[in-house]
């Protein structure tokens, strides 16, 4: 029976790394919301704000896939 290795100690991030993660996460989530709003996949009060951007045509499948990836990545950045 082999021993389970202990996890590595957690490393602290610098203030700059934290700020960049918050900026990138917010950017990704907002872009995902714009994509979802443009194809009618977003409901709620943020849809009106997201419609202010000048994206005219977007295929719903593309928006759903890319928006889902951006939203997931953005949430990971913010976590």
PDB file of N, CA and C in Angstrom:
ATOM      1  N   UNK A   1       0.833  -1.166   0.000  1.00  0.00           N
ATOM      2  CA  UNK A   1       0.000   0.000   0.000  1.00  0.00           C
ATOM      3  C   UNK A   1       0.889   1.244   0.000  1.00  0.00           C
ATOM      4  N   UNK A   2       0.657   2.149  -0.955  1.00  0.00           N
ATOM      5  CA  UNK A   2       1.515   3.330  -1.057  1.00  0.00           C
ATOM      6  C   UNK A   2       0.916   4.493  -0.269  1.00  0.00           C
ATOM      7  N   UNK A   3       1.796   5.328   0.206  1.00  0.00           N
ATOM      8  CA  UNK A   3       1.358   6.491   0.974  1.00  0.00           C
ATOM      9  C   UNK A   3       0.857   7.576   0.031  1.00  0.00           C
ATOM     10  N   UNK A   4      -0.154   8.286   0.454  1.00  0.00           N
ATOM     11  CA  UNK A   4      -0.679   9.394  -0.334  1.00  0.00           C
ATOM     12  C   UNK A   4       0.215  10.604  -0.107  1.00  0.00           C
ATOM     13  N   UNK A   5       0.727  11.196  -1.204  1.00  0.00           N
ATOM     14  CA  UNK A   5       1.613  12.345  -1.020  1.00  0.00           C
ATOM     15  C   UNK A   5       0.844  13.541  -0.465  1.00  0.00           C
ATOM     16  N   UNK A   6       1.518  14.317   0.380  1.00  0.00           N
ATOM     17  CA  UNK A   6       0.860  15.502   0.950  1.00  0.00           C
ATOM     18  C   UNK A   6       0.832  16.613  -0.102  1.00  0.00           C
ATOM     19  N   UNK A   7      -0.209  17.447  -0.079  1.00  0.00           N
ATOM     20  CA  UNK A   7      -0.303  18.524  -1.064  1.00  0.00           C
ATOM     21  C   UNK A   7       0.774  19.576  -0.830  1.00  0.00           C
ATOM     22  N   UNK A   8       1.120  20.261  -1.898  1.00  0.00           N
ATOM     23  CA  UNK A   8       2.109  21.331  -1.792  1.00  0.00           C
ATOM     24  C   UNK A   8       1.512  22.509  -1.033  1.00  0.00           C
ATOM     25  N   UNK A   9       2.326  23.265  -0.331  1.00  0.00           N
ATOM     26  CA  UNK A   9       1.790  24.427   0.386  1.00  0.00           C
ATOM     27  C   UNK A   9       1.292  25.476  -0.609  1.00  0.00           C
ATOM     28  N   UNK A  10       0.219  26.177  -0.239  1.00  0.00           N
ATOM     29  CA  UNK A  10      -0.369  27.188  -1.120  1.00  0.00           C
ATOM     30  C   UNK A  10       0.571  28.379  -1.244  1.00  0.00           C
ATOM     31  N   UNK A  11       0.661  28.915  -2.448  1.00  0.00           N
ATOM     32  CA  UNK A  11       1.492  30.093  -2.689  1.00  0.00           C
ATOM     33  C   UNK A  11       0.610  31.327  -2.725  1.00  0.00           C
ATOM     34  N   UNK A  12       1.048  32.402  -2.135  1.00  0.00           N
ATOM     35  CA  UNK A  12       0.299  33.658  -2.124  1.00  0.00           C
ATOM     36  C   UNK A  12       0.568  34.411  -3.418  1.00  0.00           C
ATOM     37  N   UNK A  13      -0.468  35.055  -3.933  1.00  0.00           N
ATOM     38  CA  UNK A  13      -0.318  35.878  -5.127  1.00  0.00           C
ATOM     39  C   UNK A  13       0.002  37.303  -4.722  1.00  0.00           C
ATOM     40  N   UNK A  14       0.693  38.003  -5.618  1.00  0.00           N
ATOM     41  CA  UNK A  14       1.002  39.399  -5.339  1.00  0.00           C
ATOM     42  C   UNK A  14      -0.237  40.255  -5.591  1.00  0.00           C
ATOM     43  N   UNK A  15      -0.168  41.506  -5.167  1.00  0.00           N
ATOM     44  CA  UNK A  15      -1.279  42.440  -5.366  1.00  0.00           C
ATOM     45  C   UNK A  15      -1.522  42.664  -6.854  1.00  0.00           C
ATOM     46  N   UNK A  16      -0.460  42.747  -7.639  1.00  0.00           N
ATOM     47  CA  UNK A  16      -0.585  42.957  -9.083  1.00  0.00           C
ATOM     48  C   UNK A  16      -1.277  41.760  -9.735  1.00  0.00           C
ATOM     49  N   UNK A  17      -0.897  40.554  -9.344  1.00  0.00           N
ATOM     50  CA  UNK A  17      -1.541  39.358  -9.886  1.00  0.00           C
ATOM     51  C   UNK A  17      -3.022  39.315  -9.526  1.00  0.00           C
ATOM     52  N   UNK A  18      -3.352  39.687  -8.314  1.00  0.00           N
ATOM     53  CA  UNK A  18      -4.748  39.725  -7.901  1.00  0.00           C
ATOM     54  C   UNK A  18      -5.542  40.756  -8.690  1.00  0.00           C
ATOM     55  N   UNK A  19      -4.961  41.929  -8.902  1.00  0.00           N
ATOM     56  CA  UNK A  19      -5.637  42.975  -9.666  1.00  0.00           C
ATOM     57  C   UNK A  19      -5.838  42.551 -11.119  1.00  0.00           C
ATOM     58  N   UNK A  20      -4.835  41.916 -11.704  1.00  0.00           N
ATOM     59  CA  UNK A  20      -4.968  41.439 -13.083  1.00  0.00           C
ATOM     60  C   UNK A  20      -6.031  40.347 -13.200  1.00  0.00           C
ATOM     61  N   UNK A  21      -6.117  39.477 -12.214  1.00  0.00           N
ATOM     62  CA  UNK A  21      -7.134  38.423 -12.235  1.00  0.00           C
ATOM     63  C   UNK A  21      -8.536  39.016 -12.130  1.00  0.00           C
ATOM     64  N   UNK A  22      -8.711  40.014 -11.270  1.00  0.00           N
ATOM     65  CA  UNK A  22     -10.020  40.663 -11.144  1.00  0.00           C
ATOM     66  C   UNK A  22     -10.376  41.380 -12.441  1.00  0.00           C
ATOM     67  N   UNK A  23      -9.409  42.078 -13.046  1.00  0.00           N
ATOM     68  CA  UNK A  23      -9.658  42.769 -14.310  1.00  0.00           C
ATOM     69  C   UNK A  23     -10.019  41.789 -15.425  1.00  0.00           C
ATOM     70  N   UNK A  24      -9.239  40.722 -15.565  1.00  0.00           N
ATOM     71  CA  UNK A  24      -9.490  39.740 -16.627  1.00  0.00           C
ATOM     72  C   UNK A  24     -10.808  39.016 -16.390  1.00  0.00           C
ATOM     73  N   UNK A  25     -11.097  38.642 -15.158  1.00  0.00           N
ATOM     74  CA  UNK A  25     -12.346  37.959 -14.855  1.00  0.00           C
ATOM     75  C   UNK A  25     -13.556  38.822 -15.144  1.00  0.00           C
ATOM     76  N   UNK A  26     -13.498  40.086 -14.760  1.00  0.00           N
ATOM     77  CA  UNK A  26     -14.597  41.010 -15.029  1.00  0.00           C
ATOM     78  C   UNK A  26     -14.769  41.221 -16.523  1.00  0.00           C
ATOM     79  N   UNK A  27     -13.667  41.339 -17.247  1.00  0.00           N
ATOM     80  CA  UNK A  27     -13.718  41.516 -18.697  1.00  0.00           C
ATOM     81  C   UNK A  27     -14.340  40.291 -19.369  1.00  0.00           C
ATOM     82  N   UNK A  28     -13.938  39.112 -18.982  1.00  0.00           N
ATOM     83  CA  UNK A  28     -14.472  37.886 -19.575  1.00  0.00           C
ATOM     84  C   UNK A  28     -15.963  37.736 -19.283  1.00  0.00           C
ATOM     85  N   UNK A  29     -16.370  37.979 -18.041  1.00  0.00           N
ATOM     86  CA  UNK A  29     -17.776  37.841 -17.689  1.00  0.00           C
ATOM     87  C   UNK A  29     -18.619  38.869 -18.425  1.00  0.00           C
ATOM     88  N   UNK A  30     -18.141  40.099 -18.524  1.00  0.00           N
ATOM     89  CA  UNK A  30     -18.916  41.122 -19.229  1.00  0.00           C
ATOM     90  C   UNK A  30     -19.023  40.810 -20.716  1.00  0.00           C
ATOM     91  N   UNK A  31     -17.967  40.315 -21.327  1.00  0.00           N
ATOM     92  CA  UNK A  31     -18.025  39.947 -22.740  1.00  0.00           C
ATOM     93  C   UNK A  31     -18.985  38.775 -22.955  1.00  0.00           C
ATOM     94  N   UNK A  32     -18.980  37.816 -22.053  1.00  0.00           N
ATOM     95  CA  UNK A  32     -19.909  36.696 -22.155  1.00  0.00           C
ATOM     96  C   UNK A  32     -21.345  37.179 -22.043  1.00  0.00           C
ATOM     97  N   UNK A  33     -21.599  38.144 -21.175  1.00  0.00           N
ATOM     98  CA  UNK A  33     -22.946  38.673 -21.028  1.00  0.00           C
ATOM     99  C   UNK A  33     -23.394  39.409 -22.283  1.00  0.00           C
ATOM    100  N   UNK A  34     -22.478  40.108 -22.935  1.00  0.00           N
ATOM    101  CA  UNK A  34     -22.809  40.785 -24.189  1.00  0.00           C
ATOM    102  C   UNK A  34     -23.172  39.753 -25.255  1.00  0.00           C
ATOM    103  N   UNK A  35     -22.391  38.688 -25.352  1.00  0.00           N
ATOM    104  CA  UNK A  35     -22.687  37.644 -26.328  1.00  0.00           C
ATOM    105  C   UNK A  35     -24.042  37.002 -26.060  1.00  0.00           C
ATOM    106  N   UNK A  36     -24.323  36.674 -24.811  1.00  0.00           N
ATOM    107  CA  UNK A  36     -25.604  36.070 -24.467  1.00  0.00           C
ATOM    108  C   UNK A  36     -26.760  37.018 -24.757  1.00  0.00           C
ATOM    109  N   UNK A  37     -26.591  38.299 -24.466  1.00  0.00           N
ATOM    110  CA  UNK A  37     -27.662  39.274 -24.691  1.00  0.00           C
ATOM    111  C   UNK A  37     -27.955  39.440 -26.178  1.00  0.00           C
ATOM    112  N   UNK A  38     -26.941  39.406 -27.010  1.00  0.00           N
ATOM    113  CA  UNK A  38     -27.135  39.628 -28.436  1.00  0.00           C
ATOM    114  C   UNK A  38     -27.951  38.537 -29.105  1.00  0.00           C
ATOM    115  N   UNK A  39     -27.922  37.343 -28.574  1.00  0.00           N
ATOM    116  CA  UNK A  39     -28.682  36.245 -29.184  1.00  0.00           C
ATOM    117  C   UNK A  39     -29.882  35.838 -28.337  1.00  0.00           C
ATOM    118  N   UNK A  40     -30.214  36.644 -27.327  1.00  0.00           N
ATOM    119  CA  UNK A  40     -31.406  36.395 -26.536  1.00  0.00           C
ATOM    120  C   UNK A  40     -31.266  35.309 -25.490  1.00  0.00           C
ATOM    121  N   UNK A  41     -30.055  34.981 -25.081  1.00  0.00           N
ATOM    122  CA  UNK A  41     -29.848  33.944 -24.067  1.00  0.00           C
ATOM    123  C   UNK A  41     -29.757  34.519 -22.654  1.00  0.00           C
ATOM    124  N   UNK A  42     -29.777  35.840 -22.549  1.00  0.00           N
ATOM    125  CA  UNK A  42     -29.620  36.489 -21.246  1.00  0.00           C
ATOM    126  C   UNK A  42     -30.918  37.171 -20.866  1.00  0.00           C
ATOM    127  N   UNK A  43     -31.373  36.929 -19.675  1.00  0.00           N
ATOM    128  CA  UNK A  43     -32.574  37.608 -19.193  1.00  0.00           C
ATOM    129  C   UNK A  43     -32.224  38.363 -17.929  1.00  0.00           C
ATOM    130  N   UNK A  44     -32.984  39.373 -17.640  1.00  0.00           N
ATOM    131  CA  UNK A  44     -32.770  40.144 -16.426  1.00  0.00           C
ATOM    132  C   UNK A  44     -32.379  41.576 -16.736  1.00  0.00           C
ATOM    133  N   UNK A  45     -32.050  42.318 -15.713  1.00  0.00           N
ATOM    134  CA  UNK A  45     -31.745  43.737 -15.843  1.00  0.00           C
ATOM    135  C   UNK A  45     -30.450  44.041 -16.575  1.00  0.00           C
ATOM    136  N   UNK A  46     -29.537  43.114 -16.613  1.00  0.00           N
ATOM    137  CA  UNK A  46     -28.264  43.378 -17.283  1.00  0.00           C
ATOM    138  C   UNK A  46     -28.378  43.313 -18.799  1.00  0.00           C
ATOM    139  N   UNK A  47     -29.443  42.724 -19.306  1.00  0.00           N
ATOM    140  CA  UNK A  47     -29.591  42.608 -20.758  1.00  0.00           C
ATOM    141  C   UNK A  47     -29.675  43.979 -21.419  1.00  0.00           C
ATOM    142  N   UNK A  48     -30.364  44.898 -20.795  1.00  0.00           N
ATOM    143  CA  UNK A  48     -30.470  46.246 -21.365  1.00  0.00           C
ATOM    144  C   UNK A  48     -29.125  46.943 -21.432  1.00  0.00           C
ATOM    145  N   UNK A  49     -28.324  46.784 -20.399  1.00  0.00           N
ATOM    146  CA  UNK A  49     -27.003  47.397 -20.408  1.00  0.00           C
ATOM    147  C   UNK A  49     -26.086  46.742 -21.440  1.00  0.00           C
ATOM    148  N   UNK A  50     -26.193  45.448 -21.571  1.00  0.00           N
ATOM    149  CA  UNK A  50     -25.330  44.726 -22.511  1.00  0.00           C
ATOM    150  C   UNK A  50     -25.671  45.063 -23.951  1.00  0.00           C
ATOM    151  N   UNK A  51     -26.907  45.465 -24.216  1.00  0.00           N
ATOM    152  CA  UNK A  51     -27.323  45.781 -25.582  1.00  0.00           C
ATOM    153  C   UNK A  51     -26.763  47.117 -26.070  1.00  0.00           C
ATOM    154  N   UNK A  52     -26.117  47.866 -25.216  1.00  0.00           N
ATOM    155  CA  UNK A  52     -25.541  49.144 -25.616  1.00  0.00           C
ATOM    156  C   UNK A  52     -24.336  48.980 -26.541  1.00  0.00           C
ATOM    157  N   UNK A  53     -23.718  47.818 -26.550  1.00  0.00           N
ATOM    158  CA  UNK A  53     -22.559  47.581 -27.400  1.00  0.00           C
ATOM    159  C   UNK A  53     -22.983  47.389 -28.864  1.00  0.00           C
ATOM    160  N   UNK A  54     -22.127  47.657 -29.860  1.00  0.00           N
ATOM    161  CA  UNK A  54     -22.447  47.723 -31.303  1.00  0.00           C
ATOM    162  C   UNK A  54     -22.225  46.447 -32.056  1.00  0.00           C
ATOM    163  N   UNK A  55     -22.466  45.192 -31.417  1.00  0.00           N
ATOM    164  CA  UNK A  55     -22.367  43.904 -32.101  1.00  0.00           C
ATOM    165  C   UNK A  55     -23.674  43.703 -32.857  1.00  0.00           C
ATOM    166  N   UNK A  56     -23.625  43.697 -34.179  1.00  0.00           N
ATOM    167  CA  UNK A  56     -24.853  43.636 -34.974  1.00  0.00           C
ATOM    168  C   UNK A  56     -25.347  42.221 -35.236  1.00  0.00           C
ATOM    169  N   UNK A  57     -24.467  41.319 -35.652  1.00  0.00           N
ATOM    170  CA  UNK A  57     -24.876  39.961 -35.986  1.00  0.00           C
ATOM    171  C   UNK A  57     -23.987  38.959 -35.286  1.00  0.00           C
ATOM    172  N   UNK A  58     -24.624  37.923 -34.754  1.00  0.00           N
ATOM    173  CA  UNK A  58     -23.878  36.902 -34.037  1.00  0.00           C
ATOM    174  C   UNK A  58     -24.686  35.616 -34.101  1.00  0.00           C
ATOM    175  N   UNK A  59     -24.041  34.544 -34.486  1.00  0.00           N
ATOM    176  CA  UNK A  59     -24.734  33.256 -34.558  1.00  0.00           C
ATOM    177  C   UNK A  59     -24.980  32.749 -33.136  1.00  0.00           C
ATOM    178  N   UNK A  60     -26.197  32.295 -32.842  1.00  0.00           N
ATOM    179  CA  UNK A  60     -26.517  31.861 -31.473  1.00  0.00           C
ATOM    180  C   UNK A  60     -25.633  30.731 -30.948  1.00  0.00           C
ATOM    181  N   UNK A  61     -25.281  29.780 -31.800  1.00  0.00           N
ATOM    182  CA  UNK A  61     -24.430  28.680 -31.344  1.00  0.00           C
ATOM    183  C   UNK A  61     -23.048  29.189 -30.952  1.00  0.00           C
ATOM    184  N   UNK A  62     -22.488  30.067 -31.781  1.00  0.00           N
ATOM    185  CA  UNK A  62     -21.181  30.650 -31.484  1.00  0.00           C
ATOM    186  C   UNK A  62     -21.232  31.434 -30.173  1.00  0.00           C
ATOM    187  N   UNK A  63     -22.277  32.234 -30.017  1.00  0.00           N
ATOM    188  CA  UNK A  63     -22.403  33.038 -28.805  1.00  0.00           C
ATOM    189  C   UNK A  63     -22.570  32.157 -27.569  1.00  0.00           C
ATOM    190  N   UNK A  64     -23.342  31.080 -27.695  1.00  0.00           N
ATOM    191  CA  UNK A  64     -23.560  30.192 -26.547  1.00  0.00           C
ATOM    192  C   UNK A  64     -22.268  29.498 -26.131  1.00  0.00           C
ATOM    193  N   UNK A  65     -21.512  28.998 -27.102  1.00  0.00           N
ATOM    194  CA  UNK A  65     -20.267  28.281 -26.784  1.00  0.00           C
ATOM    195  C   UNK A  65     -19.199  29.237 -26.262  1.00  0.00           C
ATOM    196  N   UNK A  66     -18.942  30.313 -27.010  1.00  0.00           N
ATOM    197  CA  UNK A  66     -17.910  31.263 -26.597  1.00  0.00           C
ATOM    198  C   UNK A  66     -18.303  31.967 -25.306  1.00  0.00           C
ATOM    199  N   UNK A  67     -19.576  32.339 -25.194  1.00  0.00           N
ATOM    200  CA  UNK A  67     -20.032  32.991 -23.973  1.00  0.00           C
ATOM    201  C   UNK A  67     -19.913  32.083 -22.763  1.00  0.00           C
ATOM    202  N   UNK A  68     -20.243  30.809 -22.938  1.00  0.00           N
ATOM    203  CA  UNK A  68     -20.098  29.857 -21.833  1.00  0.00           C
ATOM    204  C   UNK A  68     -18.653  29.681 -21.402  1.00  0.00           C
ATOM    205  N   UNK A  69     -17.760  29.602 -22.380  1.00  0.00           N
ATOM    206  CA  UNK A  69     -16.337  29.486 -22.053  1.00  0.00           C
ATOM    207  C   UNK A  69     -15.813  30.734 -21.352  1.00  0.00           C
ATOM    208  N   UNK A  70     -16.201  31.907 -21.859  1.00  0.00           N
ATOM    209  CA  UNK A  70     -15.753  33.150 -21.242  1.00  0.00           C
ATOM    210  C   UNK A  70     -16.326  33.319 -19.840  1.00  0.00           C
ATOM    211  N   UNK A  71     -17.592  32.984 -19.681  1.00  0.00           N
ATOM    212  CA  UNK A  71     -18.217  33.105 -18.375  1.00  0.00           C
ATOM    213  C   UNK A  71     -17.568  32.161 -17.363  1.00  0.00           C
ATOM    214  N   UNK A  72     -17.310  30.933 -17.779  1.00  0.00           N
ATOM    215  CA  UNK A  72     -16.646  29.975 -16.890  1.00  0.00           C
ATOM    216  C   UNK A  72     -15.237  30.407 -16.530  1.00  0.00           C
ATOM    217  N   UNK A  73     -14.483  30.860 -17.531  1.00  0.00           N
ATOM    218  CA  UNK A  73     -13.108  31.315 -17.268  1.00  0.00           C
ATOM    219  C   UNK A  73     -13.120  32.561 -16.379  1.00  0.00           C
ATOM    220  N   UNK A  74     -14.055  33.475 -16.651  1.00  0.00           N
ATOM    221  CA  UNK A  74     -14.143  34.679 -15.835  1.00  0.00           C
ATOM    222  C   UNK A  74     -14.469  34.362 -14.388  1.00  0.00           C
ATOM    223  N   UNK A  75     -15.369  33.431 -14.170  1.00  0.00           N
ATOM    224  CA  UNK A  75     -15.708  33.038 -12.796  1.00  0.00           C
ATOM    225  C   UNK A  75     -14.527  32.371 -12.105  1.00  0.00           C
ATOM    226  N   UNK A  76     -13.748  31.589 -12.857  1.00  0.00           N
ATOM    227  CA  UNK A  76     -12.540  30.992 -12.268  1.00  0.00           C
ATOM    228  C   UNK A  76     -11.517  32.056 -11.903  1.00  0.00           C
ATOM    229  N   UNK A  77     -11.377  33.072 -12.738  1.00  0.00           N
ATOM    230  CA  UNK A  77     -10.446  34.155 -12.439  1.00  0.00           C
ATOM    231  C   UNK A  77     -10.860  34.897 -11.173  1.00  0.00           C
ATOM    232  N   UNK A  78     -12.164  35.070 -10.988  1.00  0.00           N
ATOM    233  CA  UNK A  78     -12.649  35.819  -9.836  1.00  0.00           C
ATOM    234  C   UNK A  78     -12.702  34.986  -8.561  1.00  0.00           C
ATOM    235  N   UNK A  79     -12.614  33.664  -8.674  1.00  0.00           N
ATOM    236  CA  UNK A  79     -12.705  32.816  -7.484  1.00  0.00           C
ATOM    237  C   UNK A  79     -11.436  32.799  -6.684  1.00  0.00           C
TER     238      UNK A  79
END
